[in-house]
Protein backbone atom coordinates (compact mmCIF):
# COMPACT_ATOMS: atom_id res chain seq x y z
CA MET A 1 120.71 -68.00 -150.33
CA THR A 2 123.56 -66.16 -148.59
CA SER A 3 122.52 -66.02 -144.94
CA ASP A 4 124.78 -63.08 -144.08
CA ILE A 5 122.88 -60.82 -146.52
CA LYS A 6 119.38 -62.18 -145.95
CA GLY A 7 117.20 -59.73 -144.03
CA LYS A 8 119.59 -56.81 -144.33
CA VAL A 9 118.43 -53.44 -145.63
CA ALA A 10 120.29 -52.35 -148.75
CA VAL A 11 120.02 -48.86 -150.22
CA VAL A 12 121.08 -48.43 -153.85
CA THR A 13 121.42 -44.91 -155.27
CA GLY A 14 121.17 -44.63 -159.03
CA GLY A 15 119.21 -47.84 -158.73
CA GLY A 16 117.16 -47.22 -161.86
CA GLY A 17 120.19 -47.59 -164.13
CA ILE A 18 121.34 -50.71 -165.93
CA LEU A 19 124.26 -51.63 -163.67
CA CYS A 20 122.79 -50.57 -160.33
CA SER A 21 119.42 -52.17 -161.00
CA THR A 22 121.23 -55.45 -161.63
CA MET A 23 123.07 -55.06 -158.32
CA ALA A 24 119.80 -54.28 -156.53
CA LYS A 25 118.19 -57.41 -157.97
CA ALA A 26 121.19 -59.53 -156.97
CA LEU A 27 120.97 -58.31 -153.37
CA ALA A 28 117.22 -58.92 -153.30
CA LYS A 29 117.73 -62.43 -154.66
CA GLU A 30 119.97 -63.11 -151.65
CA GLY A 31 117.21 -61.98 -149.30
CA ALA A 32 118.05 -58.33 -148.72
CA LYS A 33 115.30 -55.76 -148.42
CA VAL A 34 116.22 -53.21 -151.06
CA ALA A 35 115.46 -49.50 -151.40
CA ILE A 36 115.91 -48.29 -154.98
CA LEU A 37 116.78 -44.59 -155.02
CA ASP A 38 116.80 -42.74 -158.32
CA LEU A 39 116.31 -39.19 -159.55
CA LYS A 40 113.44 -40.48 -161.69
CA ALA A 41 110.71 -41.98 -159.51
CA GLU A 42 109.33 -44.09 -162.35
CA ASN A 43 112.68 -45.80 -162.89
CA ALA A 44 113.06 -46.57 -159.20
CA GLU A 45 109.52 -47.92 -158.97
CA GLN A 46 109.94 -50.07 -162.06
CA VAL A 47 113.00 -51.82 -160.63
CA ALA A 48 111.28 -52.24 -157.25
CA ASN A 49 108.24 -53.75 -158.98
CA GLU A 50 110.41 -56.21 -160.88
CA ILE A 51 112.00 -57.31 -157.61
CA THR A 52 108.70 -57.74 -155.80
CA GLN A 53 107.20 -59.64 -158.73
CA ALA A 54 110.15 -62.03 -158.49
CA GLY A 55 109.36 -62.63 -154.82
CA GLY A 56 111.73 -60.12 -153.25
CA THR A 57 111.23 -57.10 -151.03
CA ALA A 58 111.87 -53.65 -152.50
CA ILE A 59 110.62 -50.08 -152.59
CA GLY A 60 111.30 -47.35 -155.14
CA ILE A 61 112.00 -43.80 -153.98
CA SER A 62 112.66 -40.59 -155.87
CA CYS A 63 115.90 -39.07 -154.58
CA ASN A 64 118.33 -36.38 -155.70
CA VAL A 65 121.76 -37.34 -154.33
CA LEU A 66 122.90 -33.71 -154.58
CA ASP A 67 120.09 -32.46 -152.30
CA ILE A 68 120.61 -33.30 -148.63
CA GLU A 69 116.93 -32.72 -147.81
CA SER A 70 115.87 -35.10 -150.59
CA ILE A 71 118.23 -37.73 -149.19
CA LYS A 72 116.93 -37.22 -145.65
CA THR A 73 113.36 -37.64 -146.88
CA ALA A 74 114.33 -40.87 -148.65
CA HIS A 75 116.08 -42.03 -145.48
CA SER A 76 112.92 -41.48 -143.44
CA THR A 77 110.95 -43.56 -145.94
CA VAL A 78 113.50 -46.38 -145.77
CA LEU A 79 113.46 -46.34 -141.97
CA GLU A 80 109.69 -46.44 -141.88
CA GLN A 81 109.15 -49.16 -144.48
CA LEU A 82 112.28 -51.35 -144.27
CA GLY A 83 114.35 -50.36 -141.24
CA GLY A 84 117.85 -48.96 -140.76
CA CYS A 85 120.38 -49.24 -143.55
CA ASP A 86 122.95 -52.06 -143.41
CA ILE A 87 124.36 -51.84 -146.94
CA LEU A 88 124.76 -48.63 -148.95
CA ILE A 89 125.60 -48.83 -152.66
CA ASN A 90 126.60 -45.37 -153.91
CA GLY A 91 125.76 -46.00 -157.54
CA ALA A 92 124.59 -42.59 -158.74
CA GLY A 93 127.06 -41.01 -161.15
CA GLY A 94 127.70 -40.05 -164.73
CA ASN A 95 129.37 -37.71 -167.20
CA HIS A 96 128.37 -34.51 -169.03
CA PRO A 97 129.12 -33.41 -172.62
CA LYS A 98 130.38 -30.03 -171.43
CA GLY A 99 133.18 -31.77 -169.52
CA THR A 100 134.25 -33.78 -172.56
CA THR A 101 136.57 -32.86 -175.44
CA SER A 102 135.64 -33.68 -179.02
CA ASN A 103 139.01 -35.22 -179.89
CA THR A 104 141.46 -37.45 -178.06
CA HIS A 105 144.40 -35.11 -178.74
CA PHE A 106 144.76 -31.36 -179.14
CA VAL A 107 146.50 -30.04 -182.25
CA GLU A 108 147.43 -26.44 -182.95
CA SER A 109 145.01 -26.13 -185.86
CA ASP A 110 142.11 -26.66 -183.45
CA LEU A 111 142.57 -23.07 -182.29
CA THR A 112 141.44 -21.71 -185.65
CA SER A 113 139.15 -24.55 -186.69
CA GLN A 114 135.66 -23.67 -187.89
CA GLN A 115 134.38 -27.19 -187.25
CA ASP A 116 130.86 -26.99 -185.91
CA GLY A 117 130.57 -28.16 -182.32
CA LEU A 118 134.30 -28.73 -181.81
CA ARG A 119 135.10 -28.67 -178.09
CA THR A 120 138.78 -28.45 -177.23
CA PHE A 121 140.37 -28.36 -173.79
CA PHE A 122 140.08 -24.57 -173.92
CA ASP A 123 136.33 -24.81 -174.50
CA LEU A 124 135.52 -27.03 -171.53
CA ASP A 125 132.71 -25.48 -169.51
CA PRO A 126 133.47 -25.08 -165.78
CA GLU A 127 129.80 -25.62 -164.98
CA GLY A 128 129.80 -28.91 -166.88
CA ILE A 129 132.94 -30.03 -165.06
CA LYS A 130 131.47 -28.98 -161.72
CA PHE A 131 128.33 -30.97 -162.47
CA VAL A 132 130.39 -34.12 -163.09
CA PHE A 133 132.42 -33.70 -159.89
CA ASP A 134 129.32 -32.98 -157.86
CA LEU A 135 127.34 -35.92 -159.24
CA ASN A 136 130.10 -38.46 -158.72
CA PHE A 137 131.86 -37.23 -155.58
CA ILE A 138 129.31 -35.11 -153.69
CA GLY A 139 126.67 -37.62 -154.83
CA THR A 140 128.66 -40.26 -152.96
CA LEU A 141 129.49 -38.17 -149.91
CA LEU A 142 125.98 -36.87 -149.06
CA PRO A 143 124.13 -40.23 -149.09
CA THR A 144 126.94 -41.65 -146.95
CA GLN A 145 126.51 -38.85 -144.41
CA VAL A 146 122.81 -39.64 -144.12
CA PHE A 147 122.67 -43.43 -144.29
CA ALA A 148 125.93 -44.32 -142.49
CA ARG A 149 124.41 -43.03 -139.24
CA ASP A 150 122.31 -46.20 -139.24
CA MET A 151 125.43 -48.34 -139.55
CA VAL A 152 127.55 -47.12 -136.64
CA SER A 153 128.52 -50.09 -134.47
CA LYS A 154 126.08 -52.33 -136.35
CA PRO A 155 127.84 -55.62 -137.26
CA GLY A 156 128.19 -56.31 -140.96
CA SER A 157 127.66 -52.75 -142.14
CA VAL A 158 129.02 -52.07 -145.62
CA ILE A 159 129.40 -49.08 -147.93
CA LEU A 160 130.20 -49.84 -151.54
CA ASN A 161 131.16 -47.01 -153.87
CA ILE A 162 131.37 -47.12 -157.65
CA SER A 163 134.68 -46.01 -159.09
CA SER A 164 135.91 -46.65 -162.64
CA MET A 165 138.82 -47.62 -164.85
CA ASN A 166 139.30 -43.88 -165.31
CA ALA A 167 140.47 -43.67 -161.72
CA TYR A 168 143.52 -45.85 -162.48
CA ARG A 169 144.53 -44.17 -165.72
CA PRO A 170 142.60 -41.24 -167.20
CA LEU A 171 140.88 -41.96 -170.48
CA THR A 172 141.09 -39.56 -173.39
CA LYS A 173 138.31 -37.01 -173.93
CA ILE A 174 136.75 -37.24 -170.43
CA PRO A 175 138.93 -35.31 -167.96
CA ALA A 176 136.09 -34.37 -165.62
CA TYR A 177 134.75 -37.91 -165.27
CA SER A 178 138.26 -39.36 -164.85
CA GLY A 179 139.12 -36.86 -162.14
CA ALA A 180 135.80 -37.34 -160.37
CA LYS A 181 136.15 -41.12 -160.24
CA ALA A 182 139.74 -40.78 -158.98
CA ALA A 183 138.24 -38.71 -156.16
CA VAL A 184 135.75 -41.51 -155.42
CA SER A 185 138.58 -44.06 -155.14
CA ASN A 186 140.55 -41.78 -152.83
CA PHE A 187 137.45 -41.07 -150.74
CA THR A 188 136.80 -44.81 -150.45
CA GLN A 189 140.22 -45.32 -148.87
CA TRP A 190 139.82 -42.30 -146.60
CA LEU A 191 136.35 -43.35 -145.48
CA ALA A 192 137.47 -46.94 -144.84
CA THR A 193 140.11 -45.66 -142.43
CA HIS A 194 137.80 -43.11 -140.85
CA PHE A 195 135.03 -45.63 -140.13
CA SER A 196 137.26 -48.58 -139.23
CA LYS A 197 136.67 -48.18 -135.47
CA ALA A 198 132.90 -47.92 -135.97
CA GLY A 199 132.57 -51.32 -137.62
CA ILE A 200 131.75 -50.02 -141.10
CA ARG A 201 133.66 -51.46 -144.05
CA VAL A 202 134.05 -49.28 -147.15
CA ASN A 203 135.14 -50.59 -150.55
CA ALA A 204 134.54 -49.82 -154.21
CA LEU A 205 133.98 -51.52 -157.54
CA ALA A 206 135.85 -50.20 -160.57
CA PRO A 207 133.93 -51.42 -163.61
CA GLY A 208 135.74 -51.60 -166.91
CA PHE A 209 133.76 -51.08 -170.08
CA PHE A 210 130.11 -52.03 -169.87
CA LEU A 211 127.59 -51.07 -172.53
CA THR A 212 125.03 -48.72 -170.99
CA GLU A 213 122.67 -46.11 -172.39
CA GLN A 214 125.22 -43.44 -171.49
CA ASN A 215 128.05 -44.82 -173.63
CA ARG A 216 126.32 -47.01 -176.22
CA THR A 217 126.53 -44.41 -179.01
CA LEU A 218 130.21 -43.79 -178.22
CA LEU A 219 131.14 -47.46 -178.45
CA THR A 220 128.76 -48.89 -181.06
CA ASN A 221 127.26 -47.75 -184.33
CA ALA A 222 123.57 -47.91 -185.20
CA ASP A 223 124.09 -51.30 -186.88
CA GLY A 224 125.70 -52.73 -183.76
CA SER A 225 129.26 -52.64 -185.07
CA LEU A 226 131.99 -51.06 -182.97
CA THR A 227 133.09 -47.46 -183.34
CA ASP A 228 136.81 -46.68 -183.49
CA ARG A 229 136.77 -46.04 -179.74
CA GLY A 230 134.90 -49.29 -179.15
CA ASN A 231 137.47 -51.22 -181.20
CA THR A 232 140.33 -49.60 -179.28
CA ILE A 233 138.77 -50.63 -175.96
CA ILE A 234 138.21 -54.23 -177.03
CA SER A 235 141.76 -54.46 -178.40
CA HIS A 236 143.05 -53.35 -174.98
CA THR A 237 140.80 -55.72 -173.03
CA PRO A 238 142.55 -59.12 -172.82
CA MET A 239 139.25 -60.98 -172.42
CA GLY A 240 138.08 -59.41 -175.69
CA ARG A 241 134.58 -58.23 -174.78
CA PHE A 242 132.58 -55.61 -172.94
CA GLY A 243 131.32 -56.43 -169.47
CA THR A 244 127.73 -57.44 -168.82
CA PRO A 245 125.84 -56.23 -165.72
CA ASP A 246 125.91 -59.72 -164.19
CA ASP A 247 129.72 -59.60 -164.23
CA LEU A 248 129.52 -57.29 -161.21
CA THR A 249 127.37 -59.60 -159.11
CA GLY A 250 129.99 -61.95 -157.69
CA THR A 251 132.26 -59.18 -156.43
CA LEU A 252 129.25 -57.23 -155.15
CA LEU A 253 128.05 -60.14 -153.00
CA TYR A 254 131.58 -60.88 -151.81
CA LEU A 255 132.14 -57.31 -150.60
CA CYS A 256 128.69 -57.11 -148.99
CA GLY A 257 129.00 -60.44 -147.16
CA GLU A 258 130.99 -61.94 -144.34
CA GLY A 259 133.49 -63.53 -146.74
CA SER A 260 135.18 -60.13 -146.94
CA LYS A 261 134.89 -59.19 -143.27
CA PHE A 262 138.62 -58.28 -143.11
CA VAL A 263 138.54 -56.35 -146.40
CA THR A 264 138.17 -52.59 -146.34
CA GLY A 265 139.59 -49.70 -148.35
CA VAL A 266 140.04 -51.63 -151.60
CA VAL A 267 138.96 -50.72 -155.13
CA ILE A 268 138.47 -53.87 -157.20
CA PRO A 269 138.72 -53.68 -161.01
CA ILE A 270 136.10 -55.68 -162.89
CA ASP A 271 137.46 -55.03 -166.34
CA GLY A 272 138.38 -58.17 -168.26
CA GLY A 273 142.07 -57.42 -167.68
CA PHE A 274 142.04 -53.87 -169.11
CA SER A 275 143.99 -52.41 -166.18
CA ALA A 276 146.61 -55.17 -166.41
CA TYR A 277 147.39 -54.72 -170.13
CA SER A 278 150.04 -52.25 -171.29
CA GLY A 279 148.92 -52.37 -174.90
CA VAL A 280 152.05 -54.22 -175.99
């Protein structure tokens, strides 16, 4: 067990999801006391129950990361039941169909197309785009404002944001999500500098392509075979596979522990080499 994580209080937003629940369980396995925050209380409680059944310490809390009062209420519960936050994982995020184009490229004939449901660049809904920016960026900023107060001048305090491959190079079809994750990467660097005198380190993970419930239908068919987009991703991933949730664990524990005590302001790709490959 990693002694520099044991006994610390870790807060994981979006903790009911596939990737963040795996991170929460990894921290609990190392002895952290984990608060699982999720918009859906049942998802948060399920992950917390799985941790406690495995011998760890965890609580599940319903929390809307876009509502400062909801976050403050969750913070009070964490303080009361676990203590002040030492590690904050800003994992809540996601995309929205109204911020996504139907096709990878625009062609002139799209302007007069009668295709049902076709969404071109000109059809993108500002409200859908705003939702994506709010969820990913504001949903990172607000929990940090609330929970980082516990961390000021507390040795070993860590904030870990979740960026994406989209932040390095925008992916086709998802301009809102790409832009929002680029904002998260930029904010990570800004926050690392801003908090550097207060003893708080701030870094981010940039996952490559992991199969989750959000993207499964985009990357795989009903029979489990790859879609065209899935095949394109695998062909541009030198290691030739999608990531699994456990692939995040090593970097997570490194950035949350003393082994990275002189590391702040970095965004680490965990992508099977996707960001290193030019396609040629």
